[in-house]
C-alpha atoms as a PDB file:
ATOM      1  CA  MET A   1     -10.460   6.133   2.433  1.00  0.00           C
ATOM      2  CA  LYS A   2      -9.528   2.482   2.328  1.00  0.00           C
ATOM      3  CA  ALA A   3      -6.492   0.892   0.640  1.00  0.00           C
ATOM      4  CA  THR A   4      -6.087  -2.645  -0.328  1.00  0.00           C
ATOM      5  CA  ILE A   5      -3.294  -4.548  -1.949  1.00  0.00           C
ATOM      6  CA  THR A   6      -4.406  -6.825  -4.629  1.00  0.00           C
ATOM      7  CA  ASN A   7      -2.803 -10.386  -5.610  1.00  0.00           C
ATOM      8  CA  GLN A   8      -0.969  -8.521  -8.310  1.00  0.00           C
ATOM      9  CA  CYS A   9       1.564  -7.315  -5.785  1.00  0.00           C
ATOM     10  CA  MET A  10       5.192  -8.364  -7.022  1.00  0.00           C
ATOM     11  CA  GLY A  11       6.637  -7.544  -3.488  1.00  0.00           C
ATOM     12  CA  ASP A  12       9.062  -4.896  -4.669  1.00  0.00           C
ATOM     13  CA  ARG A  13       8.296  -3.094  -1.417  1.00  0.00           C
ATOM     14  CA  ASN A  14       8.169   0.342  -3.067  1.00  0.00           C
ATOM     15  CA  CYS A  15       5.108   1.271  -1.050  1.00  0.00           C
ATOM     16  CA  ASN A  16       6.793   0.156   2.190  1.00  0.00           C
ATOM     17  CA  LYS A  17       9.732   2.523   1.664  1.00  0.00           C
ATOM     18  CA  LEU A  18       7.474   5.354   0.533  1.00  0.00           C
ATOM     19  CA  CYS A  19       4.977   4.860   3.531  1.00  0.00           C
ATOM     20  CA  PRO A  20       6.067   2.657   5.907  1.00  0.00           C
ATOM     21  CA  GLU A  21       3.450   3.932   8.419  1.00  0.00           C
ATOM     22  CA  VAL A  22       0.699   2.515   6.227  1.00  0.00           C
ATOM     23  CA  PHE A  23       2.595  -0.378   4.451  1.00  0.00           C
ATOM     24  CA  GLU A  24       4.132  -3.363   5.865  1.00  0.00           C
ATOM     25  CA  TYR A  25       5.896  -6.355   3.965  1.00  0.00           C
ATOM     26  CA  ASP A  26       4.639  -9.889   4.931  1.00  0.00           C
ATOM     27  CA  GLU A  27       7.677 -12.093   4.632  1.00  0.00           C
ATOM     28  CA  ASP A  28       5.480 -15.127   4.862  1.00  0.00           C
ATOM     29  CA  LYS A  29       3.146 -14.154   1.899  1.00  0.00           C
ATOM     30  CA  LEU A  30       5.904 -12.281   0.113  1.00  0.00           C
ATOM     31  CA  LEU A  31       3.585  -9.066  -0.506  1.00  0.00           C
ATOM     32  CA  SER A  32       2.861  -5.920   1.007  1.00  0.00           C
ATOM     33  CA  ILE A  33      -0.213  -5.470   3.502  1.00  0.00           C
ATOM     34  CA  VAL A  34      -1.983  -2.448   4.742  1.00  0.00           C
ATOM     35  CA  LYS A  35      -1.707  -1.682   8.471  1.00  0.00           C
ATOM     36  CA  PHE A  36      -5.151   0.253   8.665  1.00  0.00           C
ATOM     37  CA  ASP A  37      -8.780  -0.322   7.725  1.00  0.00           C
ATOM     38  CA  LYS A  38      -9.225   3.395   7.365  1.00  0.00           C
ATOM     39  CA  ILE A  39      -6.281   5.479   6.302  1.00  0.00           C
ATOM     40  CA  PRO A  40      -5.492   8.520   8.707  1.00  0.00           C
ATOM     41  CA  GLU A  41      -6.199  11.722   7.175  1.00  0.00           C
ATOM     42  CA  HIS A  42      -2.499  13.073   7.324  1.00  0.00           C
ATOM     43  CA  LEU A  43      -1.443  10.039   5.375  1.00  0.00           C
ATOM     44  CA  LYS A  44      -3.834   9.915   2.476  1.00  0.00           C
ATOM     45  CA  ALA A  45      -1.659  12.019  -0.043  1.00  0.00           C
ATOM     46  CA  VAL A  46       1.343   9.490   0.320  1.00  0.00           C
ATOM     47  CA  VAL A  47      -0.950   6.607   0.054  1.00  0.00           C
ATOM     48  CA  ARG A  48      -2.244   8.052  -3.352  1.00  0.00           C
ATOM     49  CA  GLN A  49       1.129   8.438  -4.379  1.00  0.00           C
ATOM     50  CA  ALA A  50       2.220   4.902  -3.557  1.00  0.00           C
ATOM     51  CA  ALA A  51      -0.829   3.656  -5.432  1.00  0.00           C
ATOM     52  CA  ALA A  52       0.228   5.985  -8.444  1.00  0.00           C
ATOM     53  CA  GLU A  53       3.620   4.610  -8.340  1.00  0.00           C
ATOM     54  CA  CYS A  54       2.963   0.962  -7.913  1.00  0.00           C
ATOM     55  CA  GLY A  55       4.396  -0.906 -10.785  1.00  0.00           C
ATOM     56  CA  ALA A  56       1.973  -3.778 -10.716  1.00  0.00           C
ATOM     57  CA  ASP A  57      -1.033  -1.410 -10.047  1.00  0.00           C
ATOM     58  CA  ALA A  58      -1.729  -3.617  -6.903  1.00  0.00           C
ATOM     59  CA  ILE A  59      -3.057  -0.927  -4.716  1.00  0.00           C
ATOM     60  CA  GLU A  60      -6.537  -0.108  -4.861  1.00  0.00           C
ATOM     61  CA  ILE A  61      -7.829   3.126  -3.170  1.00  0.00           C
ATOM     62  CA  GLU A  62     -11.609   3.260  -2.077  1.00  0.00           C
ATOM     63  CA  GLU A  63     -12.684   6.811  -1.237  1.00  0.00           C
END
């Protein structure tokens, strides 16, 4: 599974709070970034949750 942040990111950091193991906030770009090319198996459910709860629909998941 791969997760990406689109340019629709509003920088509200909800994904960072929900799953700091995967999402990190870039202070220079003012948006979240994904730390992994491939999401570790044990974090997939919480990444899906972050995508579902993203108010800007800025997290795209590719299975």
